[in-house]
C-alpha atoms as a PDB file:
ATOM      1  CA  MET A   1      -0.016  -0.021  -0.044  1.00  0.00           C
ATOM      2  CA  GLU A   2       1.415   3.416  -1.020  1.00  0.00           C
ATOM      3  CA  SER A   3       0.849   5.665   1.899  1.00  0.00           C
ATOM      4  CA  TYR A   4       2.075   9.008   3.067  1.00  0.00           C
ATOM      5  CA  LYS A   5       1.982  11.274   6.192  1.00  0.00           C
ATOM      6  CA  ILE A   6       1.779  15.005   6.858  1.00  0.00           C
ATOM      7  CA  SER A   7       5.009  16.725   7.319  1.00  0.00           C
ATOM      8  CA  GLU A   8       5.488  17.829  10.867  1.00  0.00           C
ATOM      9  CA  SER A   9       6.173  21.391   9.750  1.00  0.00           C
ATOM     10  CA  VAL A  10       2.794  21.590   8.234  1.00  0.00           C
ATOM     11  CA  LEU A  11      -0.472  23.322   9.941  1.00  0.00           C
ATOM     12  CA  SER A  12      -3.649  23.143   8.316  1.00  0.00           C
ATOM     13  CA  VAL A  13      -7.148  24.525   8.767  1.00  0.00           C
ATOM     14  CA  GLU A  14     -10.432  24.224   6.952  1.00  0.00           C
ATOM     15  CA  ALA A  15     -11.803  27.430   5.648  1.00  0.00           C
ATOM     16  CA  GLU A  16     -15.094  27.569   3.781  1.00  0.00           C
ATOM     17  CA  SER A  17     -14.739  25.315   0.785  1.00  0.00           C
ATOM     18  CA  GLN A  18     -10.976  25.038   0.976  1.00  0.00           C
ATOM     19  CA  THR A  19      -8.223  23.675   3.160  1.00  0.00           C
ATOM     20  CA  VAL A  20      -5.231  26.187   3.856  1.00  0.00           C
ATOM     21  CA  LEU A  21      -1.899  24.782   4.612  1.00  0.00           C
ATOM     22  CA  LEU A  22       1.075  26.608   6.096  1.00  0.00           C
ATOM     23  CA  GLU A  23       4.599  25.081   5.750  1.00  0.00           C
ATOM     24  CA  THR A  24       6.109  26.633   8.891  1.00  0.00           C
ATOM     25  CA  ASN A  25       9.836  26.176   7.760  1.00  0.00           C
ATOM     26  CA  SER A  26       9.456  28.375   4.685  1.00  0.00           C
ATOM     27  CA  GLY A  27       6.265  30.357   5.771  1.00  0.00           C
ATOM     28  CA  GLN A  28       4.627  29.375   2.500  1.00  0.00           C
ATOM     29  CA  TYR A  29       0.891  29.145   2.479  1.00  0.00           C
ATOM     30  CA  TYR A  30      -1.088  26.891   0.112  1.00  0.00           C
ATOM     31  CA  ALA A  31      -4.876  26.330  -0.481  1.00  0.00           C
ATOM     32  CA  LEU A  32      -6.558  23.001  -1.639  1.00  0.00           C
ATOM     33  CA  ASP A  33     -10.120  22.876  -3.129  1.00  0.00           C
ATOM     34  CA  SER A  34     -12.634  20.668  -1.615  1.00  0.00           C
ATOM     35  CA  ILE A  35     -11.596  17.345  -3.340  1.00  0.00           C
ATOM     36  CA  GLY A  36      -7.753  18.398  -2.500  1.00  0.00           C
ATOM     37  CA  GLY A  37      -9.107  18.814   1.113  1.00  0.00           C
ATOM     38  CA  GLU A  38     -10.475  15.230   1.008  1.00  0.00           C
ATOM     39  CA  ILE A  39      -7.308  13.833  -0.130  1.00  0.00           C
ATOM     40  CA  TRP A  40      -5.473  15.705   2.521  1.00  0.00           C
ATOM     41  CA  GLU A  41      -7.885  14.419   5.078  1.00  0.00           C
ATOM     42  CA  GLY A  42      -7.342  10.916   3.714  1.00  0.00           C
ATOM     43  CA  ILE A  43      -3.584  11.324   4.166  1.00  0.00           C
ATOM     44  CA  LYS A  44      -3.974  12.621   7.829  1.00  0.00           C
ATOM     45  CA  GLU A  45      -6.157   9.570   8.526  1.00  0.00           C
ATOM     46  CA  GLY A  46      -3.423   7.361   7.215  1.00  0.00           C
ATOM     47  CA  LYS A  47      -5.092   6.055   4.214  1.00  0.00           C
ATOM     48  CA  GLY A  48      -3.127   4.850   1.175  1.00  0.00           C
ATOM     49  CA  VAL A  49      -3.532   6.244  -2.286  1.00  0.00           C
ATOM     50  CA  GLU A  50      -5.789   3.309  -3.398  1.00  0.00           C
ATOM     51  CA  GLU A  51      -8.194   3.880  -0.583  1.00  0.00           C
ATOM     52  CA  ILE A  52      -8.469   7.629  -0.977  1.00  0.00           C
ATOM     53  CA  ALA A  53      -8.982   7.249  -4.730  1.00  0.00           C
ATOM     54  CA  SER A  54     -11.715   4.614  -4.248  1.00  0.00           C
ATOM     55  CA  GLU A  55     -13.527   6.742  -1.789  1.00  0.00           C
ATOM     56  CA  ILE A  56     -13.456   9.660  -4.121  1.00  0.00           C
ATOM     57  CA  SER A  57     -14.334   7.738  -7.224  1.00  0.00           C
ATOM     58  CA  ARG A  58     -17.411   6.224  -5.291  1.00  0.00           C
ATOM     59  CA  GLU A  59     -18.482   9.749  -4.005  1.00  0.00           C
ATOM     60  CA  TYR A  60     -18.258  11.621  -7.444  1.00  0.00           C
ATOM     61  CA  ASP A  61     -18.863   8.744  -9.533  1.00  0.00           C
ATOM     62  CA  PHE A  62     -15.678   9.193 -11.454  1.00  0.00           C
ATOM     63  CA  PRO A  63     -13.648   6.516 -13.121  1.00  0.00           C
ATOM     64  CA  ILE A  64     -11.139   4.955 -10.503  1.00  0.00           C
ATOM     65  CA  THR A  65      -8.193   5.171 -13.006  1.00  0.00           C
ATOM     66  CA  GLU A  66      -8.610   8.926 -13.517  1.00  0.00           C
ATOM     67  CA  VAL A  67      -9.037   9.530  -9.804  1.00  0.00           C
ATOM     68  CA  THR A  68      -5.999   7.453  -8.962  1.00  0.00           C
ATOM     69  CA  LYS A  69      -3.967   9.279 -11.473  1.00  0.00           C
ATOM     70  CA  ASP A  70      -5.242  12.720 -10.090  1.00  0.00           C
ATOM     71  CA  VAL A  71      -4.623  11.688  -6.437  1.00  0.00           C
ATOM     72  CA  LYS A  72      -1.063  10.570  -7.168  1.00  0.00           C
ATOM     73  CA  ALA A  73      -0.421  13.799  -9.065  1.00  0.00           C
ATOM     74  CA  LEU A  74      -1.671  15.932  -6.106  1.00  0.00           C
ATOM     75  CA  ILE A  75       0.536  13.863  -3.691  1.00  0.00           C
ATOM     76  CA  SER A  76       3.563  14.290  -5.718  1.00  0.00           C
ATOM     77  CA  ASP A  77       3.006  18.190  -5.802  1.00  0.00           C
ATOM     78  CA  LEU A  78       2.490  18.117  -1.927  1.00  0.00           C
ATOM     79  CA  VAL A  79       5.714  16.004  -1.471  1.00  0.00           C
ATOM     80  CA  LYS A  80       7.671  18.348  -3.783  1.00  0.00           C
ATOM     81  CA  SER A  81       6.357  21.271  -1.619  1.00  0.00           C
ATOM     82  CA  HIS A  82       7.460  19.530   1.634  1.00  0.00           C
ATOM     83  CA  LEU A  83       4.008  19.302   2.914  1.00  0.00           C
ATOM     84  CA  VAL A  84       3.629  15.403   2.724  1.00  0.00           C
ATOM     85  CA  VAL A  85       6.568  12.783   3.377  1.00  0.00           C
ATOM     86  CA  ASN A  86       6.418   8.982   2.492  1.00  0.00           C
END
């Protein structure tokens, strides 16, 4: 199972329809839309990529292959920004 965890240097808060992230080492802020926030919550809960993608696929009735690709792409961006580690 491919899983990740939130970096210890990141604070997050839900604000209206987005999740706002602060990387405390750099002082950089990031914002995730509602689906990005669901992915973030899945990571926080220790869920793997496949489980997160499956839940989103079911909830929004999107093909699992597309959702998995999108989940992996967002997580890759989060890793590059030092918000998530594996």
